[in-house]
Amino acid sequence: MANLTRRGLLTGSWRGNATAFRPPWSGDEHHFLLECQRCNSCLPVCETRVLRRGQGGYPEVDFSLGECTFCYACAEACTQQIFSPRETSPWEHTLFIGDTCMAYSQVECRSCQDACEPQAITFIPSSQGISLPQLNRTTCNACGGCISACPVSALTMRHADAN
C-alpha cells in the first residue's frame, strides 16, 4: 500500500514498496506487525548483522549486507511469542537471477557461485561460449549470501507468494 504522507513522500515509500523481509521464523507479516514491540533486541544479536531497523522501526533483513546463517539468535532474544520453533522452515523466500547478470551479457563472472555455501548456483556451459547461471531451488536455502556478492545486483530475493 502506498504511503501518501509527507514522510512517505520524503522516504520514497509512497511508491508502495514490497513487504520487507522479516527475521527468519517470524512467520506471517500481519501477525509479526501486531506482535512485534519494536524493541530491537534482535538486532545486536544477529551474528552476520543483516538485521536492521526498517520502516516503522520493525526489524528487517537486508540481504545487501550479507547472508542469514539461521543461527536463531534473533528469535531467542525476542521477549514476545512471535517466532516459530527452530525445527520449522525459517521462511518462504525464493532467489531469482535477473537479466542484468553479467553472464547474460557475455561477461565471465561467478561471484554468486563462489559466495553460495550450499552450492545451489552452478554455471552450465552454453553455445554462446560463456557459462550461464543455473539455480537449484531444492538446494537453495534462501540465505542471501550470493546477493551481496553480485557486482551488478542481478540477484534478488522474493517472498514465495510474490511469484
Protein backbone atom coordinates (compact mmCIF):
# COMPACT_ATOMS: atom_id res chain seq x y z
CA MET A 1 0.00 0.00 0.00
CA ALA A 2 1.31 3.46 -0.87
CA ASN A 3 2.26 5.81 1.95
CA LEU A 4 0.94 9.23 0.87
CA THR A 5 2.08 11.11 3.97
CA ARG A 6 4.82 13.74 3.94
CA ARG A 7 7.21 11.19 5.45
CA GLY A 8 6.18 8.69 2.79
CA LEU A 9 6.94 11.20 0.08
CA LEU A 10 10.35 12.06 1.52
CA THR A 11 11.38 8.44 2.17
CA GLY A 12 10.11 7.09 -1.13
CA SER A 13 7.61 4.72 0.49
CA TRP A 14 4.83 6.40 -1.50
CA ARG A 15 5.76 4.02 -4.30
CA GLY A 16 4.16 1.13 -2.43
CA ASN A 17 7.34 -0.85 -1.82
CA ALA A 18 7.12 -4.61 -1.41
CA THR A 19 6.80 -6.11 2.02
CA ALA A 20 10.07 -6.14 3.94
CA PHE A 21 11.91 -9.36 4.69
CA ARG A 22 11.43 -10.05 8.37
CA PRO A 23 13.76 -12.14 10.56
CA PRO A 24 13.67 -15.89 9.96
CA TRP A 25 10.96 -17.84 11.76
CA SER A 26 8.92 -14.65 12.28
CA GLY A 27 6.02 -16.03 10.27
CA ASP A 28 3.11 -14.13 8.82
CA GLU A 29 3.68 -10.41 8.19
CA HIS A 30 0.36 -9.35 9.70
CA HIS A 31 0.98 -11.37 12.88
CA PHE A 32 4.55 -10.05 13.09
CA LEU A 33 3.48 -6.41 12.84
CA LEU A 34 0.83 -6.92 15.51
CA GLU A 35 3.09 -8.71 17.99
CA CYS A 36 6.48 -7.05 17.50
CA GLN A 37 7.06 -4.30 20.05
CA ARG A 38 9.96 -2.83 18.04
CA CYS A 39 12.31 -3.21 20.99
CA ASN A 40 15.08 -4.18 18.56
CA SER A 41 16.56 -6.76 20.95
CA CYS A 42 17.08 -8.96 17.89
CA LEU A 43 19.36 -6.51 16.07
CA PRO A 44 22.58 -6.67 18.13
CA VAL A 45 22.50 -10.48 18.42
CA CYS A 46 22.44 -11.11 14.65
CA GLU A 47 25.80 -12.78 14.02
CA THR A 48 26.09 -11.53 10.44
CA ARG A 49 24.49 -8.11 11.12
CA VAL A 50 21.95 -8.45 8.30
CA LEU A 51 19.11 -7.36 10.58
CA ARG A 52 18.46 -3.64 10.64
CA ARG A 53 15.77 -1.32 11.89
CA GLY A 54 13.41 -0.88 8.97
CA GLN A 55 10.43 1.27 8.17
CA GLY A 56 8.26 1.90 11.20
CA GLY A 57 11.04 0.66 13.48
CA TYR A 58 10.38 -3.00 12.71
CA PRO A 59 13.37 -5.30 12.18
CA GLU A 60 14.03 -6.47 8.66
CA VAL A 61 16.69 -8.45 6.82
CA ASP A 62 18.90 -6.51 4.42
CA PHE A 63 20.48 -9.05 2.07
CA SER A 64 22.81 -6.39 0.66
CA LEU A 65 24.69 -6.59 3.97
CA GLY A 66 25.33 -10.32 3.74
CA GLU A 67 23.69 -13.63 4.45
CA CYS A 68 21.50 -15.05 7.16
CA THR A 69 23.13 -18.03 8.86
CA PHE A 70 19.89 -19.12 10.52
CA CYS A 71 21.55 -19.03 13.93
CA TYR A 72 18.17 -18.43 15.66
CA ALA A 73 19.71 -15.76 17.93
CA CYS A 74 17.11 -13.19 16.87
CA ALA A 75 14.28 -15.49 17.91
CA GLU A 76 15.95 -16.33 21.24
CA ALA A 77 16.48 -12.64 22.04
CA CYS A 78 12.83 -11.74 21.42
CA THR A 79 10.67 -11.29 24.51
CA GLN A 80 7.43 -11.78 22.53
CA GLN A 81 5.93 -15.04 21.31
CA ILE A 82 6.46 -14.13 17.64
CA PHE A 83 8.89 -16.72 16.34
CA SER A 84 8.14 -20.27 15.24
CA PRO A 85 10.17 -23.20 16.59
CA ARG A 86 13.62 -23.64 15.05
CA GLU A 87 12.63 -27.04 13.65
CA THR A 88 10.22 -25.38 11.20
CA SER A 89 11.13 -23.68 7.94
CA PRO A 90 12.73 -20.27 8.64
CA TRP A 91 10.89 -18.54 5.79
CA GLU A 92 9.43 -18.96 2.35
CA HIS A 93 11.72 -16.85 0.16
CA THR A 94 12.90 -17.58 -3.35
CA LEU A 95 16.03 -16.34 -5.10
CA PHE A 96 15.87 -15.00 -8.65
CA ILE A 97 18.67 -14.36 -11.11
CA GLY A 98 17.77 -11.32 -13.21
CA ASP A 99 18.56 -10.34 -16.77
CA THR A 100 21.31 -7.97 -15.63
CA CYS A 101 23.53 -10.94 -14.73
CA MET A 102 26.87 -10.32 -16.42
CA ALA A 103 26.91 -13.84 -17.89
CA TYR A 104 23.86 -12.92 -19.99
CA SER A 105 25.96 -10.09 -21.49
CA GLN A 106 28.83 -12.47 -22.35
CA VAL A 107 30.96 -11.43 -19.36
CA GLU A 108 32.51 -14.17 -17.24
CA CYS A 109 31.57 -13.78 -13.57
CA ARG A 110 30.92 -16.39 -10.94
CA SER A 111 30.78 -14.27 -7.80
CA CYS A 112 27.40 -15.67 -6.80
CA GLN A 113 28.62 -19.26 -7.18
CA ASP A 114 31.69 -18.52 -5.06
CA ALA A 115 29.52 -16.99 -2.30
CA CYS A 116 26.92 -19.77 -2.29
CA GLU A 117 27.80 -22.08 0.59
CA PRO A 118 25.13 -24.71 -0.20
CA GLN A 119 26.38 -24.68 -3.83
CA ALA A 120 22.89 -24.02 -5.19
CA ILE A 121 24.22 -21.85 -8.03
CA THR A 122 26.22 -23.55 -10.74
CA PHE A 123 27.30 -22.44 -14.19
CA ILE A 124 26.39 -24.53 -17.19
CA PRO A 125 28.30 -24.21 -20.49
CA SER A 126 26.25 -22.59 -23.25
CA SER A 127 26.56 -22.38 -27.02
CA GLN A 128 27.43 -18.68 -26.68
CA GLY A 129 30.77 -19.60 -25.08
CA ILE A 130 30.06 -18.18 -21.62
CA SER A 131 28.65 -20.44 -18.94
CA LEU A 132 25.23 -19.37 -17.68
CA PRO A 133 24.00 -19.49 -14.08
CA GLN A 134 21.58 -22.17 -13.00
CA LEU A 135 19.84 -22.14 -9.64
CA ASN A 136 18.91 -25.37 -7.90
CA ARG A 137 15.86 -24.28 -5.89
CA THR A 138 15.91 -27.51 -3.91
CA THR A 139 19.43 -26.84 -2.64
CA CYS A 140 18.99 -23.07 -2.18
CA ASN A 141 18.19 -22.23 1.44
CA ALA A 142 17.49 -18.54 0.65
CA CYS A 143 20.26 -17.31 2.96
CA GLY A 144 21.01 -14.39 0.62
CA GLY A 145 24.79 -14.81 0.68
CA CYS A 146 25.01 -14.52 -3.08
CA ILE A 147 23.10 -11.22 -3.23
CA SER A 148 25.78 -9.03 -1.67
CA ALA A 149 28.46 -10.81 -3.75
CA CYS A 150 26.89 -9.89 -7.10
CA PRO A 151 28.67 -6.87 -8.63
CA VAL A 152 25.63 -5.84 -10.71
CA SER A 153 22.79 -6.60 -8.24
CA ALA A 154 21.31 -9.20 -10.57
CA LEU A 155 20.16 -11.42 -7.70
CA THR A 156 17.01 -10.67 -5.77
CA MET A 157 15.06 -12.37 -3.05
CA ARG A 158 11.30 -12.51 -3.27
CA HIS A 159 8.57 -13.69 -0.98
CA ALA A 160 7.28 -17.06 -2.15
CA ASP A 161 3.76 -15.67 -2.52
CA ALA A 162 5.04 -12.93 -4.87
CA ASN A 163 5.98 -15.41 -7.64
